[in-house]
Amino acid sequence: MKKMLLTAVIGATLVMSTSVTAAGNAKAGKAKAAVCAACHGADGNSPSDMFPKLAGQGEPYIIKQLTEFKSGERDNAIMAPMAAALSDEDMADLAAYYASKKITPGAVSEELVAAGEKIFRAGNKESGLPACMACHGPTGAGIPAAKWPSLSSQHAAYVEAQLKSFAEGTRSNDPNSMMRDIASKMKPEEMKAVAAYVSGLR
């Protein structure tokens, strides 16, 4: 576990020291986001837990995902055609707009929150599962410069679905297979518990 944490910290340092992201225009992004509102909500707070909340998400992470939807590195039948026509400027503007919005709090399942908090903060020593907060921070805010996403107040169903996708390998746009390795160590009930816990983080 210590080795994984050290690798994560070194990786974050390298990314933060070399990553350069073009500054977007939030006002321009608002106009461009009109077409995104049906799934992600007008202010980035998706009304459906099938689609992620983008409000408050780090700009570098949003740009990374849009770029990879466009290139096909992240496979998604809905997002691929949406991203296909986006320029680098469009992506930067959209990212700036969504990053400027405030995410709405998620609902917490009280029966899952204790188990989820334990995994999020301490991992599972028996299975070699590291603490989620090592990369996503104690409040789930993520590390924007490292392009590690915020999980705070995200839809629980969406988080759980992404963990399953990483574990199954159907989502594979994580650097150095980091999330695939982590999710493969998680039991279904651990995924559900963590997802429920982060949905209530502020």
N, C-alpha and C. Protein backbone atom coordinates (compact mmCIF):
# COMPACT_ATOMS: atom_id res chain seq x y z
N MET A 1 0.83 -1.20 0.00
CA MET A 1 0.00 0.00 0.00
C MET A 1 0.87 1.26 0.00
N LYS A 2 1.97 1.22 0.80
CA LYS A 2 2.87 2.37 0.85
C LYS A 2 3.49 2.63 -0.51
N LYS A 3 3.81 1.53 -1.22
CA LYS A 3 4.40 1.66 -2.55
C LYS A 3 3.43 2.32 -3.52
N MET A 4 2.15 1.93 -3.43
CA MET A 4 1.13 2.51 -4.31
C MET A 4 0.94 3.99 -4.01
N LEU A 5 0.95 4.35 -2.72
CA LEU A 5 0.77 5.75 -2.34
C LEU A 5 1.96 6.59 -2.81
N LEU A 6 3.18 6.02 -2.67
CA LEU A 6 4.37 6.73 -3.11
C LEU A 6 4.33 6.95 -4.61
N THR A 7 3.91 5.92 -5.35
CA THR A 7 3.79 6.03 -6.80
C THR A 7 2.78 7.11 -7.18
N ALA A 8 1.66 7.15 -6.44
CA ALA A 8 0.62 8.15 -6.72
C ALA A 8 1.14 9.56 -6.48
N VAL A 9 1.88 9.74 -5.38
CA VAL A 9 2.40 11.07 -5.05
C VAL A 9 3.43 11.51 -6.08
N ILE A 10 4.32 10.59 -6.47
CA ILE A 10 5.33 10.92 -7.48
C ILE A 10 4.67 11.26 -8.80
N GLY A 11 3.66 10.45 -9.16
CA GLY A 11 2.94 10.70 -10.40
C GLY A 11 2.26 12.04 -10.40
N ALA A 12 1.66 12.39 -9.28
CA ALA A 12 0.97 13.67 -9.18
C ALA A 12 1.96 14.82 -9.31
N THR A 13 3.12 14.66 -8.68
CA THR A 13 4.13 15.71 -8.75
C THR A 13 4.61 15.92 -10.17
N LEU A 14 4.85 14.81 -10.88
CA LEU A 14 5.31 14.91 -12.27
C LEU A 14 4.27 15.56 -13.15
N VAL A 15 3.01 15.15 -12.98
CA VAL A 15 1.94 15.71 -13.81
C VAL A 15 1.76 17.19 -13.51
N MET A 16 1.78 17.53 -12.23
CA MET A 16 1.57 18.93 -11.84
C MET A 16 2.69 19.82 -12.34
N SER A 17 3.90 19.26 -12.47
CA SER A 17 5.02 20.08 -12.90
C SER A 17 5.11 20.20 -14.41
N THR A 18 4.43 19.32 -15.14
CA THR A 18 4.55 19.34 -16.59
C THR A 18 3.25 19.67 -17.31
N SER A 19 2.13 19.62 -16.60
CA SER A 19 0.84 19.82 -17.25
C SER A 19 0.58 21.29 -17.55
N VAL A 20 0.21 21.56 -18.78
CA VAL A 20 -0.16 22.91 -19.17
C VAL A 20 -1.52 22.84 -19.84
N THR A 21 -2.48 23.56 -19.27
CA THR A 21 -3.83 23.54 -19.82
C THR A 21 -4.22 24.95 -20.24
N ALA A 22 -4.70 25.08 -21.46
CA ALA A 22 -5.11 26.39 -21.96
C ALA A 22 -6.28 26.89 -21.13
N ALA A 23 -6.24 28.18 -20.80
CA ALA A 23 -7.32 28.77 -20.01
C ALA A 23 -8.56 28.93 -20.89
N GLY A 24 -9.68 28.46 -20.38
CA GLY A 24 -10.92 28.58 -21.12
C GLY A 24 -11.71 29.81 -20.72
N ASN A 25 -12.75 30.10 -21.48
CA ASN A 25 -13.62 31.24 -21.22
C ASN A 25 -14.96 30.70 -20.74
N ALA A 26 -15.26 30.92 -19.47
CA ALA A 26 -16.48 30.38 -18.88
C ALA A 26 -17.74 30.94 -19.54
N LYS A 27 -17.70 32.22 -19.92
CA LYS A 27 -18.86 32.84 -20.56
C LYS A 27 -19.15 32.19 -21.91
N ALA A 28 -18.10 31.95 -22.68
CA ALA A 28 -18.25 31.26 -23.96
C ALA A 28 -18.69 29.82 -23.74
N GLY A 29 -18.17 29.23 -22.67
CA GLY A 29 -18.52 27.85 -22.34
C GLY A 29 -19.98 27.68 -22.00
N LYS A 30 -20.56 28.70 -21.36
CA LYS A 30 -21.99 28.63 -21.02
C LYS A 30 -22.84 28.48 -22.26
N ALA A 31 -22.53 29.25 -23.30
CA ALA A 31 -23.30 29.16 -24.54
C ALA A 31 -23.09 27.81 -25.21
N LYS A 32 -21.87 27.32 -25.18
CA LYS A 32 -21.55 26.04 -25.82
C LYS A 32 -22.15 24.86 -25.05
N ALA A 33 -22.41 25.06 -23.76
CA ALA A 33 -22.93 23.98 -22.91
C ALA A 33 -24.43 23.75 -23.10
N ALA A 34 -25.08 24.60 -23.88
CA ALA A 34 -26.53 24.44 -24.06
C ALA A 34 -26.89 23.05 -24.57
N VAL A 35 -26.08 22.52 -25.47
CA VAL A 35 -26.35 21.21 -26.05
C VAL A 35 -26.08 20.08 -25.05
N CYS A 36 -25.30 20.39 -24.02
CA CYS A 36 -24.96 19.38 -23.00
C CYS A 36 -26.02 19.27 -21.90
N ALA A 37 -26.88 20.28 -21.83
CA ALA A 37 -27.81 20.41 -20.70
C ALA A 37 -28.79 19.25 -20.56
N ALA A 38 -29.17 18.65 -21.67
CA ALA A 38 -30.16 17.56 -21.61
C ALA A 38 -29.70 16.42 -20.71
N CYS A 39 -28.40 16.13 -20.74
CA CYS A 39 -27.87 15.04 -19.91
C CYS A 39 -27.20 15.54 -18.63
N HIS A 40 -26.49 16.67 -18.74
CA HIS A 40 -25.68 17.12 -17.60
C HIS A 40 -26.29 18.27 -16.81
N GLY A 41 -27.46 18.74 -17.23
CA GLY A 41 -28.11 19.84 -16.53
C GLY A 41 -27.56 21.18 -16.99
N ALA A 42 -28.37 22.21 -16.89
CA ALA A 42 -27.98 23.54 -17.36
C ALA A 42 -26.75 24.08 -16.63
N ASP A 43 -26.61 23.72 -15.36
CA ASP A 43 -25.48 24.21 -14.57
C ASP A 43 -24.47 23.11 -14.23
N GLY A 44 -24.56 21.99 -14.96
CA GLY A 44 -23.64 20.89 -14.71
C GLY A 44 -24.08 19.93 -13.63
N ASN A 45 -25.27 20.14 -13.07
CA ASN A 45 -25.81 19.22 -12.07
C ASN A 45 -26.83 18.32 -12.76
N SER A 46 -26.36 17.17 -13.20
CA SER A 46 -27.19 16.25 -13.96
C SER A 46 -28.43 15.83 -13.19
N PRO A 47 -29.61 15.88 -13.82
CA PRO A 47 -30.83 15.46 -13.15
C PRO A 47 -30.97 13.94 -13.08
N SER A 48 -30.14 13.23 -13.84
CA SER A 48 -30.20 11.76 -13.88
C SER A 48 -28.90 11.17 -13.39
N ASP A 49 -28.99 10.13 -12.55
CA ASP A 49 -27.76 9.52 -12.04
C ASP A 49 -27.07 8.63 -13.07
N MET A 50 -27.62 8.58 -14.28
CA MET A 50 -26.95 7.87 -15.37
C MET A 50 -25.80 8.70 -15.93
N PHE A 51 -25.88 10.01 -15.72
CA PHE A 51 -24.89 10.93 -16.27
C PHE A 51 -24.21 11.69 -15.14
N PRO A 52 -22.90 11.94 -15.25
CA PRO A 52 -22.19 12.59 -14.15
C PRO A 52 -22.50 14.07 -14.00
N LYS A 53 -22.40 14.51 -12.76
CA LYS A 53 -22.43 15.95 -12.50
C LYS A 53 -21.06 16.50 -12.91
N LEU A 54 -21.07 17.59 -13.65
CA LEU A 54 -19.82 18.22 -14.09
C LEU A 54 -19.53 19.50 -13.31
N ALA A 55 -20.51 20.01 -12.60
CA ALA A 55 -20.34 21.24 -11.82
C ALA A 55 -19.21 21.07 -10.80
N GLY A 56 -18.29 22.03 -10.78
CA GLY A 56 -17.21 22.01 -9.82
C GLY A 56 -16.07 21.05 -10.14
N GLN A 57 -16.19 20.34 -11.25
CA GLN A 57 -15.13 19.40 -11.64
C GLN A 57 -13.91 20.17 -12.12
N GLY A 58 -12.72 19.63 -11.91
CA GLY A 58 -11.49 20.30 -12.33
C GLY A 58 -11.41 20.44 -13.85
N GLU A 59 -10.96 21.60 -14.31
CA GLU A 59 -10.85 21.85 -15.75
C GLU A 59 -9.95 20.85 -16.46
N PRO A 60 -8.76 20.53 -15.93
CA PRO A 60 -7.90 19.58 -16.63
C PRO A 60 -8.55 18.21 -16.82
N TYR A 61 -9.32 17.77 -15.82
CA TYR A 61 -9.98 16.47 -15.93
C TYR A 61 -11.06 16.49 -17.01
N ILE A 62 -11.86 17.55 -17.05
CA ILE A 62 -12.91 17.64 -18.07
C ILE A 62 -12.29 17.65 -19.46
N ILE A 63 -11.24 18.43 -19.63
CA ILE A 63 -10.57 18.49 -20.94
C ILE A 63 -10.01 17.12 -21.32
N LYS A 64 -9.42 16.43 -20.36
CA LYS A 64 -8.88 15.09 -20.62
C LYS A 64 -9.97 14.14 -21.10
N GLN A 65 -11.11 14.14 -20.42
CA GLN A 65 -12.19 13.22 -20.78
C GLN A 65 -12.75 13.56 -22.17
N LEU A 66 -12.97 14.85 -22.44
CA LEU A 66 -13.50 15.24 -23.75
C LEU A 66 -12.52 14.87 -24.87
N THR A 67 -11.24 15.10 -24.62
CA THR A 67 -10.21 14.75 -25.60
C THR A 67 -10.22 13.25 -25.89
N GLU A 68 -10.38 12.46 -24.84
CA GLU A 68 -10.34 11.01 -25.00
C GLU A 68 -11.64 10.44 -25.54
N PHE A 69 -12.76 11.12 -25.30
CA PHE A 69 -14.00 10.73 -25.97
C PHE A 69 -13.84 10.96 -27.47
N LYS A 70 -13.23 12.08 -27.81
CA LYS A 70 -13.05 12.44 -29.23
C LYS A 70 -12.10 11.48 -29.94
N SER A 71 -11.02 11.11 -29.26
CA SER A 71 -10.02 10.22 -29.87
C SER A 71 -10.43 8.76 -29.86
N GLY A 72 -11.40 8.43 -29.00
CA GLY A 72 -11.82 7.04 -28.86
C GLY A 72 -11.08 6.30 -27.76
N GLU A 73 -10.14 6.98 -27.10
CA GLU A 73 -9.42 6.34 -26.01
C GLU A 73 -10.37 5.98 -24.87
N ARG A 74 -11.37 6.83 -24.67
CA ARG A 74 -12.46 6.48 -23.75
C ARG A 74 -13.68 6.20 -24.61
N ASP A 75 -14.13 4.98 -24.56
CA ASP A 75 -15.20 4.52 -25.44
C ASP A 75 -16.58 4.79 -24.83
N ASN A 76 -17.37 5.60 -25.51
CA ASN A 76 -18.73 5.87 -25.05
C ASN A 76 -19.57 6.28 -26.25
N ALA A 77 -20.61 5.50 -26.53
CA ALA A 77 -21.43 5.72 -27.73
C ALA A 77 -22.16 7.05 -27.72
N ILE A 78 -22.48 7.57 -26.54
CA ILE A 78 -23.19 8.85 -26.45
C ILE A 78 -22.21 10.02 -26.59
N MET A 79 -21.09 9.94 -25.88
CA MET A 79 -20.17 11.07 -25.85
C MET A 79 -19.27 11.18 -27.07
N ALA A 80 -18.98 10.08 -27.73
CA ALA A 80 -18.08 10.14 -28.90
C ALA A 80 -18.58 11.12 -29.96
N PRO A 81 -19.84 11.02 -30.40
CA PRO A 81 -20.30 11.99 -31.41
C PRO A 81 -20.44 13.41 -30.86
N MET A 82 -20.69 13.55 -29.56
CA MET A 82 -20.79 14.87 -28.97
C MET A 82 -19.43 15.57 -28.96
N ALA A 83 -18.39 14.80 -28.71
CA ALA A 83 -17.05 15.38 -28.62
C ALA A 83 -16.36 15.52 -29.97
N ALA A 84 -16.85 14.80 -30.96
CA ALA A 84 -16.18 14.74 -32.26
C ALA A 84 -15.95 16.11 -32.90
N ALA A 85 -16.91 17.00 -32.74
CA ALA A 85 -16.81 18.32 -33.40
C ALA A 85 -16.16 19.38 -32.53
N LEU A 86 -15.80 19.03 -31.31
CA LEU A 86 -15.24 20.03 -30.39
C LEU A 86 -13.78 20.35 -30.70
N SER A 87 -13.46 21.62 -30.72
CA SER A 87 -12.08 22.05 -30.88
C SER A 87 -11.43 22.10 -29.49
N ASP A 88 -10.12 22.30 -29.44
CA ASP A 88 -9.43 22.44 -28.16
C ASP A 88 -10.00 23.64 -27.38
N GLU A 89 -10.31 24.71 -28.11
CA GLU A 89 -10.88 25.89 -27.47
C GLU A 89 -12.26 25.60 -26.90
N ASP A 90 -13.08 24.85 -27.64
CA ASP A 90 -14.40 24.47 -27.15
C ASP A 90 -14.29 23.70 -25.84
N MET A 91 -13.37 22.75 -25.82
CA MET A 91 -13.19 21.92 -24.63
C MET A 91 -12.75 22.76 -23.44
N ALA A 92 -11.82 23.68 -23.68
CA ALA A 92 -11.33 24.55 -22.61
C ALA A 92 -12.44 25.45 -22.09
N ASP A 93 -13.27 25.97 -23.00
CA ASP A 93 -14.38 26.84 -22.59
C ASP A 93 -15.42 26.08 -21.79
N LEU A 94 -15.76 24.88 -22.24
CA LEU A 94 -16.73 24.05 -21.51
C LEU A 94 -16.20 23.70 -20.13
N ALA A 95 -14.93 23.35 -20.07
CA ALA A 95 -14.31 22.99 -18.79
C ALA A 95 -14.33 24.18 -17.83
N ALA A 96 -14.03 25.37 -18.35
CA ALA A 96 -14.03 26.57 -17.51
C ALA A 96 -15.43 26.87 -16.98
N TYR A 97 -16.43 26.67 -17.82
CA TYR A 97 -17.81 26.94 -17.40
C TYR A 97 -18.24 25.97 -16.30
N TYR A 98 -18.06 24.68 -16.54
CA TYR A 98 -18.50 23.71 -15.54
C TYR A 98 -17.71 23.82 -14.23
N ALA A 99 -16.41 24.12 -14.34
CA ALA A 99 -15.60 24.27 -13.13
C ALA A 99 -16.06 25.45 -12.29
N SER A 100 -16.68 26.44 -12.93
CA SER A 100 -17.13 27.63 -12.21
C SER A 100 -18.46 27.44 -11.48
N LYS A 101 -19.15 26.35 -11.76
CA LYS A 101 -20.46 26.10 -11.15
C LYS A 101 -20.32 25.30 -9.85
N LYS A 102 -21.32 25.41 -9.01
CA LYS A 102 -21.30 24.71 -7.72
C LYS A 102 -22.11 23.42 -7.81
N ILE A 103 -21.51 22.34 -7.37
CA ILE A 103 -22.20 21.05 -7.41
C ILE A 103 -23.23 20.96 -6.29
N THR A 104 -24.35 20.33 -6.58
CA THR A 104 -25.38 20.15 -5.56
C THR A 104 -25.08 18.90 -4.73
N PRO A 105 -25.31 18.96 -3.43
CA PRO A 105 -25.01 17.81 -2.57
C PRO A 105 -25.80 16.58 -2.97
N GLY A 106 -25.18 15.42 -2.77
CA GLY A 106 -25.85 14.16 -3.05
C GLY A 106 -26.50 13.60 -1.80
N ALA A 107 -27.40 12.66 -2.00
CA ALA A 107 -28.06 11.99 -0.87
C ALA A 107 -27.17 10.87 -0.36
N VAL A 108 -27.19 10.65 0.93
CA VAL A 108 -26.35 9.62 1.55
C VAL A 108 -27.20 8.49 2.10
N SER A 109 -26.80 7.25 1.79
CA SER A 109 -27.44 6.09 2.37
C SER A 109 -26.76 5.82 3.71
N GLU A 110 -27.47 6.08 4.80
CA GLU A 110 -26.88 5.97 6.13
C GLU A 110 -26.35 4.56 6.43
N GLU A 111 -27.00 3.55 5.90
CA GLU A 111 -26.55 2.19 6.20
C GLU A 111 -25.24 1.83 5.49
N LEU A 112 -24.88 2.60 4.45
CA LEU A 112 -23.65 2.33 3.73
C LEU A 112 -22.52 3.28 4.09
N VAL A 113 -22.86 4.42 4.69
CA VAL A 113 -21.88 5.48 4.87
C VAL A 113 -20.69 5.08 5.74
N ALA A 114 -20.91 4.32 6.80
CA ALA A 114 -19.81 3.93 7.69
C ALA A 114 -18.82 3.03 6.96
N ALA A 115 -19.32 2.04 6.24
CA ALA A 115 -18.45 1.13 5.48
C ALA A 115 -17.73 1.88 4.38
N GLY A 116 -18.44 2.79 3.72
CA GLY A 116 -17.84 3.56 2.65
C GLY A 116 -16.74 4.48 3.14
N GLU A 117 -16.99 5.11 4.29
CA GLU A 117 -15.98 6.02 4.86
C GLU A 117 -14.71 5.26 5.22
N LYS A 118 -14.86 4.08 5.77
CA LYS A 118 -13.70 3.27 6.17
C LYS A 118 -12.83 2.95 4.96
N ILE A 119 -13.45 2.54 3.87
CA ILE A 119 -12.70 2.20 2.65
C ILE A 119 -12.10 3.46 2.03
N PHE A 120 -12.88 4.53 1.98
CA PHE A 120 -12.39 5.77 1.38
C PHE A 120 -11.17 6.30 2.12
N ARG A 121 -11.19 6.20 3.44
CA ARG A 121 -10.11 6.79 4.25
C ARG A 121 -8.98 5.82 4.58
N ALA A 122 -9.25 4.52 4.62
CA ALA A 122 -8.22 3.57 5.03
C ALA A 122 -7.99 2.42 4.05
N GLY A 123 -8.86 2.25 3.07
CA GLY A 123 -8.72 1.14 2.14
C GLY A 123 -9.05 -0.19 2.80
N ASN A 124 -8.48 -1.25 2.27
CA ASN A 124 -8.68 -2.59 2.81
C ASN A 124 -7.33 -3.30 2.78
N LYS A 125 -6.69 -3.42 3.94
CA LYS A 125 -5.35 -4.01 4.02
C LYS A 125 -5.34 -5.46 3.54
N GLU A 126 -6.41 -6.18 3.80
CA GLU A 126 -6.45 -7.60 3.45
C GLU A 126 -6.37 -7.82 1.93
N SER A 127 -7.01 -6.95 1.18
CA SER A 127 -7.01 -7.12 -0.28
C SER A 127 -5.99 -6.22 -0.97
N GLY A 128 -5.28 -5.41 -0.19
CA GLY A 128 -4.30 -4.50 -0.78
C GLY A 128 -4.93 -3.28 -1.43
N LEU A 129 -6.16 -2.98 -1.04
CA LEU A 129 -6.88 -1.83 -1.60
C LEU A 129 -6.43 -0.55 -0.90
N PRO A 130 -5.89 0.43 -1.64
CA PRO A 130 -5.45 1.68 -1.00
C PRO A 130 -6.63 2.58 -0.67
N ALA A 131 -6.39 3.52 0.20
CA ALA A 131 -7.41 4.51 0.55
C ALA A 131 -7.71 5.39 -0.65
N CYS A 132 -8.98 5.62 -0.92
CA CYS A 132 -9.39 6.47 -2.05
C CYS A 132 -8.90 7.89 -1.89
N MET A 133 -8.84 8.34 -0.62
CA MET A 133 -8.49 9.74 -0.39
C MET A 133 -7.02 10.02 -0.71
N ALA A 134 -6.21 8.98 -0.91
CA ALA A 134 -4.81 9.19 -1.28
C ALA A 134 -4.70 9.97 -2.58
N CYS A 135 -5.63 9.73 -3.50
CA CYS A 135 -5.62 10.44 -4.78
C CYS A 135 -6.76 11.45 -4.90
N HIS A 136 -7.89 11.17 -4.26
CA HIS A 136 -9.06 12.04 -4.41
C HIS A 136 -9.23 13.03 -3.27
N GLY A 137 -8.31 12.99 -2.29
CA GLY A 137 -8.34 13.95 -1.20
C GLY A 137 -9.32 13.60 -0.10
N PRO A 138 -9.11 14.11 1.10
CA PRO A 138 -9.96 13.78 2.24
C PRO A 138 -11.42 14.22 2.09
N THR A 139 -11.66 15.24 1.26
CA THR A 139 -13.03 15.69 1.04
C THR A 139 -13.55 15.26 -0.34
N GLY A 140 -12.75 14.45 -1.05
CA GLY A 140 -13.17 13.98 -2.37
C GLY A 140 -13.03 15.02 -3.46
N ALA A 141 -12.26 16.08 -3.20
CA ALA A 141 -12.13 17.18 -4.16
C ALA A 141 -11.21 16.85 -5.33
N GLY A 142 -10.47 15.74 -5.24
CA GLY A 142 -9.57 15.36 -6.31
C GLY A 142 -8.32 16.23 -6.35
N ILE A 143 -7.49 16.01 -7.37
CA ILE A 143 -6.30 16.83 -7.59
C ILE A 143 -6.36 17.30 -9.04
N PRO A 144 -6.95 18.48 -9.27
CA PRO A 144 -7.14 18.96 -10.63
C PRO A 144 -5.89 18.97 -11.49
N ALA A 145 -4.76 19.42 -10.93
CA ALA A 145 -3.53 19.51 -11.72
C ALA A 145 -3.05 18.15 -12.20
N ALA A 146 -3.37 17.10 -11.43
CA ALA A 146 -2.99 15.75 -11.81
C ALA A 146 -4.07 15.08 -12.67
N LYS A 147 -5.15 15.82 -12.92
CA LYS A 147 -6.30 15.31 -13.69
C LYS A 147 -7.00 14.16 -12.98
N TRP A 148 -6.94 14.19 -11.64
CA TRP A 148 -7.67 13.22 -10.84
C TRP A 148 -8.97 13.87 -10.41
N PRO A 149 -10.09 13.25 -10.70
CA PRO A 149 -11.39 13.92 -10.55
C PRO A 149 -11.88 14.12 -9.12
N SER A 150 -12.72 15.12 -9.00
CA SER A 150 -13.48 15.32 -7.78
C SER A 150 -14.59 14.27 -7.75
N LEU A 151 -14.79 13.67 -6.59
CA LEU A 151 -15.88 12.71 -6.40
C LEU A 151 -16.96 13.26 -5.47
N SER A 152 -16.66 14.36 -4.83
CA SER A 152 -17.56 14.95 -3.85
C SER A 152 -18.92 15.28 -4.44
N SER A 153 -19.97 14.74 -3.84
CA SER A 153 -21.38 14.97 -4.21
C SER A 153 -21.76 14.39 -5.57
N GLN A 154 -20.91 13.54 -6.15
CA GLN A 154 -21.24 12.92 -7.42
C GLN A 154 -22.35 11.88 -7.21
N HIS A 155 -23.13 11.61 -8.27
CA HIS A 155 -24.17 10.58 -8.18
C HIS A 155 -23.56 9.24 -7.78
N ALA A 156 -24.11 8.61 -6.75
CA ALA A 156 -23.60 7.32 -6.28
C ALA A 156 -23.68 6.26 -7.38
N ALA A 157 -24.77 6.23 -8.11
CA ALA A 157 -24.94 5.22 -9.16
C ALA A 157 -23.89 5.39 -10.25
N TYR A 158 -23.55 6.63 -10.57
CA TYR A 158 -22.54 6.88 -11.60
C TYR A 158 -21.16 6.42 -11.13
N VAL A 159 -20.80 6.76 -9.89
CA VAL A 159 -19.50 6.35 -9.34
C VAL A 159 -19.39 4.84 -9.31
N GLU A 160 -20.44 4.18 -8.85
CA GLU A 160 -20.43 2.72 -8.80
C GLU A 160 -20.27 2.12 -10.20
N ALA A 161 -20.96 2.69 -11.17
CA ALA A 161 -20.87 2.19 -12.55
C ALA A 161 -19.46 2.35 -13.10
N GLN A 162 -18.80 3.45 -12.78
CA GLN A 162 -17.43 3.67 -13.27
C GLN A 162 -16.45 2.71 -12.61
N LEU A 163 -16.63 2.45 -11.33
CA LEU A 163 -15.78 1.48 -10.65
C LEU A 163 -15.92 0.09 -11.27
N LYS A 164 -17.14 -0.29 -11.58
CA LYS A 164 -17.37 -1.59 -12.23
C LYS A 164 -16.73 -1.62 -13.61
N SER A 165 -16.84 -0.52 -14.34
CA SER A 165 -16.24 -0.46 -15.68
C SER A 165 -14.73 -0.58 -15.62
N PHE A 166 -14.12 0.09 -14.65
CA PHE A 166 -12.67 -0.04 -14.49
C PHE A 166 -12.30 -1.47 -14.12
N ALA A 167 -13.04 -2.06 -13.19
CA ALA A 167 -12.74 -3.43 -12.75
C ALA A 167 -12.85 -4.43 -13.89
N GLU A 168 -13.84 -4.21 -14.76
CA GLU A 168 -14.06 -5.12 -15.90
C GLU A 168 -13.16 -4.79 -17.09
N GLY A 169 -12.52 -3.63 -17.05
CA GLY A 169 -11.66 -3.22 -18.14
C GLY A 169 -12.38 -2.57 -19.30
N THR A 170 -13.68 -2.33 -19.15
CA THR A 170 -14.43 -1.68 -20.23
C THR A 170 -14.18 -0.17 -20.25
N ARG A 171 -13.68 0.37 -19.15
CA ARG A 171 -13.15 1.73 -19.15
C ARG A 171 -11.66 1.62 -18.89
N SER A 172 -10.87 2.16 -19.79
CA SER A 172 -9.42 1.94 -19.70
C SER A 172 -8.60 3.19 -19.96
N ASN A 173 -9.16 4.36 -19.69
CA ASN A 173 -8.41 5.59 -19.94
C ASN A 173 -7.75 6.15 -18.68
N ASP A 174 -7.45 5.26 -17.75
CA ASP A 174 -6.76 5.64 -16.51
C ASP A 174 -5.25 5.51 -16.71
N PRO A 175 -4.47 6.48 -16.27
CA PRO A 175 -3.01 6.42 -16.44
C PRO A 175 -2.40 5.21 -15.75
N ASN A 176 -1.57 4.49 -16.48
CA ASN A 176 -0.85 3.33 -15.93
C ASN A 176 -1.77 2.29 -15.28
N SER A 177 -3.01 2.19 -15.78
CA SER A 177 -3.99 1.21 -15.27
C SER A 177 -4.28 1.40 -13.78
N MET A 178 -4.04 2.59 -13.26
CA MET A 178 -4.19 2.84 -11.83
C MET A 178 -5.57 2.46 -11.30
N MET A 179 -6.62 2.98 -11.95
CA MET A 179 -7.96 2.70 -11.45
C MET A 179 -8.40 1.27 -11.76
N ARG A 180 -7.94 0.72 -12.85
CA ARG A 180 -8.28 -0.68 -13.14
C ARG A 180 -7.68 -1.61 -12.08
N ASP A 181 -6.45 -1.33 -11.67
CA ASP A 181 -5.82 -2.14 -10.63
C ASP A 181 -6.55 -2.00 -9.30
N ILE A 182 -6.93 -0.77 -8.97
CA ILE A 182 -7.61 -0.53 -7.70
C ILE A 182 -9.01 -1.14 -7.69
N ALA A 183 -9.78 -0.86 -8.74
CA ALA A 183 -11.16 -1.35 -8.79
C ALA A 183 -11.23 -2.88 -8.83
N SER A 184 -10.23 -3.51 -9.41
CA SER A 184 -10.22 -4.98 -9.49
C SER A 184 -10.07 -5.62 -8.11
N LYS A 185 -9.59 -4.84 -7.15
CA LYS A 185 -9.45 -5.34 -5.77
C LYS A 185 -10.72 -5.13 -4.95
N MET A 186 -11.70 -4.44 -5.51
CA MET A 186 -12.90 -4.09 -4.76
C MET A 186 -14.03 -5.11 -4.95
N LYS A 187 -14.67 -5.46 -3.86
CA LYS A 187 -15.85 -6.30 -3.92
C LYS A 187 -17.04 -5.41 -4.32
N PRO A 188 -18.08 -6.00 -4.91
CA PRO A 188 -19.25 -5.19 -5.31
C PRO A 188 -19.82 -4.37 -4.16
N GLU A 189 -19.85 -4.95 -2.97
CA GLU A 189 -20.41 -4.20 -1.84
C GLU A 189 -19.50 -3.04 -1.43
N GLU A 190 -18.19 -3.17 -1.66
CA GLU A 190 -17.27 -2.07 -1.35
C GLU A 190 -17.48 -0.92 -2.34
N MET A 191 -17.68 -1.26 -3.60
CA MET A 191 -17.95 -0.24 -4.61
C MET A 191 -19.22 0.54 -4.27
N LYS A 192 -20.24 -0.19 -3.89
CA LYS A 192 -21.52 0.45 -3.55
C LYS A 192 -21.38 1.35 -2.33
N ALA A 193 -20.64 0.89 -1.34
CA ALA A 193 -20.45 1.66 -0.10
C ALA A 193 -19.64 2.93 -0.36
N VAL A 194 -18.55 2.82 -1.10
CA VAL A 194 -17.74 3.99 -1.40
C VAL A 194 -18.53 5.00 -2.21
N ALA A 195 -19.27 4.51 -3.20
CA ALA A 195 -20.07 5.39 -4.06
C ALA A 195 -21.10 6.15 -3.23
N ALA A 196 -21.72 5.46 -2.28
CA ALA A 196 -22.71 6.11 -1.43
C ALA A 196 -22.05 7.15 -0.54
N TYR A 197 -20.87 6.83 -0.04
CA TYR A 197 -20.16 7.75 0.86
C TYR A 197 -19.76 9.03 0.14
N VAL A 198 -19.13 8.90 -1.04
CA VAL A 198 -18.65 10.10 -1.73
C VAL A 198 -19.80 10.99 -2.21
N SER A 199 -20.95 10.39 -2.43
CA SER A 199 -22.10 11.21 -2.89
C SER A 199 -22.54 12.20 -1.82
N GLY A 200 -22.17 11.92 -0.57
CA GLY A 200 -22.54 12.82 0.52
C GLY A 200 -21.41 13.73 0.98
N LEU A 201 -20.23 13.58 0.36
CA LEU A 201 -19.11 14.45 0.74
C LEU A 201 -19.36 15.87 0.27
N ARG A 202 -18.87 16.83 1.03
CA ARG A 202 -19.02 18.24 0.69
C ARG A 202 -17.65 18.86 0.43
